[in-house]
Amino acid sequence: MAATGQAAHNLAAFDQSEKMMEIRNILRVSANEGNASSVISLNNLGTSREAVYIVTLLRKHGYTVDYGEDVIIVKW
């Protein structure tokens, strides 16, 4: 289901945020090291709203995101 209205605007803005760039950098470094996935602590994702946006955007950009205990597992 595609985001519409204010939700789409908020996601688009968050996609360009410093927090999202930080997450992408973590994934880029991990991939460059030859890893097939990365584990990111929920504490590193910020607020609950930021975590939801991050997971939504990662999935939108083709990543698989699974949940562990207090972590997300991002696969590419």
Protein backbone atom coordinates (compact mmCIF):
# COMPACT_ATOMS: atom_id res chain seq x y z
CA MET A 1 0.00 0.00 0.00
CA ALA A 2 1.50 3.32 -1.06
CA ALA A 3 1.57 6.26 1.32
CA THR A 4 -0.57 9.23 0.33
CA GLY A 5 -1.11 12.78 1.53
CA GLN A 6 0.79 13.92 4.60
CA ALA A 7 2.21 10.42 5.21
CA ALA A 8 3.86 10.44 1.78
CA HIS A 9 5.27 13.91 2.40
CA ASN A 10 6.64 12.89 5.82
CA LEU A 11 8.25 9.74 4.40
CA ALA A 12 9.82 11.66 1.52
CA ALA A 13 11.26 14.23 3.92
CA PHE A 14 12.52 11.57 6.32
CA ASP A 15 14.12 9.68 3.42
CA GLN A 16 16.46 12.69 3.04
CA SER A 17 17.10 13.11 6.78
CA GLU A 18 20.41 12.77 8.58
CA LYS A 19 19.09 9.75 10.52
CA MET A 20 18.22 7.90 7.31
CA MET A 21 21.61 8.76 5.81
CA GLU A 22 23.22 7.33 8.96
CA ILE A 23 21.29 4.06 8.55
CA ARG A 24 22.19 3.85 4.86
CA ASN A 25 25.85 4.40 5.73
CA ILE A 26 25.75 1.53 8.23
CA LEU A 27 24.25 -0.74 5.56
CA ARG A 28 26.75 0.41 2.92
CA VAL A 29 29.74 -0.28 5.17
CA SER A 30 28.34 -3.67 6.13
CA ALA A 31 27.75 -4.63 2.49
CA ASN A 32 31.25 -3.47 1.55
CA GLU A 33 32.62 -5.76 4.25
CA GLY A 34 30.90 -8.68 2.52
CA ASN A 35 28.04 -9.16 4.96
CA ALA A 36 24.69 -10.42 3.67
CA SER A 37 22.79 -8.57 6.39
CA SER A 38 23.12 -6.08 9.23
CA VAL A 39 21.71 -6.12 12.72
CA ILE A 40 20.70 -2.71 14.05
CA SER A 41 19.59 -2.12 17.63
CA LEU A 42 16.19 -0.51 18.06
CA ASN A 43 17.96 1.99 20.33
CA ASN A 44 19.88 3.25 17.27
CA LEU A 45 16.68 3.89 15.32
CA GLY A 46 15.54 6.84 17.43
CA THR A 47 11.92 7.37 18.40
CA SER A 48 9.17 4.88 17.65
CA ARG A 49 8.01 7.08 14.77
CA GLU A 50 11.53 7.21 13.31
CA ALA A 51 11.83 3.43 13.61
CA VAL A 52 8.57 2.93 11.70
CA TYR A 53 9.73 5.35 8.99
CA ILE A 54 13.13 3.66 8.74
CA VAL A 55 11.65 0.17 8.37
CA THR A 56 9.07 1.43 5.86
CA LEU A 57 11.68 3.18 3.75
CA LEU A 58 14.12 0.27 3.85
CA ARG A 59 11.39 -2.06 2.60
CA LYS A 60 10.37 0.49 -0.04
CA HIS A 61 13.98 0.53 -1.28
CA GLY A 62 14.10 -3.26 -1.62
CA TYR A 63 15.60 -4.40 1.67
CA THR A 64 14.12 -7.25 3.68
CA VAL A 65 13.61 -6.27 7.32
CA ASP A 66 13.02 -8.86 10.02
CA TYR A 67 12.61 -8.30 13.72
CA GLY A 68 14.67 -9.84 16.51
CA GLU A 69 14.62 -9.09 20.20
CA ASP A 70 15.33 -5.34 20.40
CA VAL A 71 16.91 -5.34 16.91
CA ILE A 72 16.03 -5.24 13.25
CA ILE A 73 17.82 -7.49 10.79
CA VAL A 74 18.25 -5.87 7.38
CA LYS A 75 19.05 -8.14 4.42
CA TRP A 76 19.89 -7.17 0.87
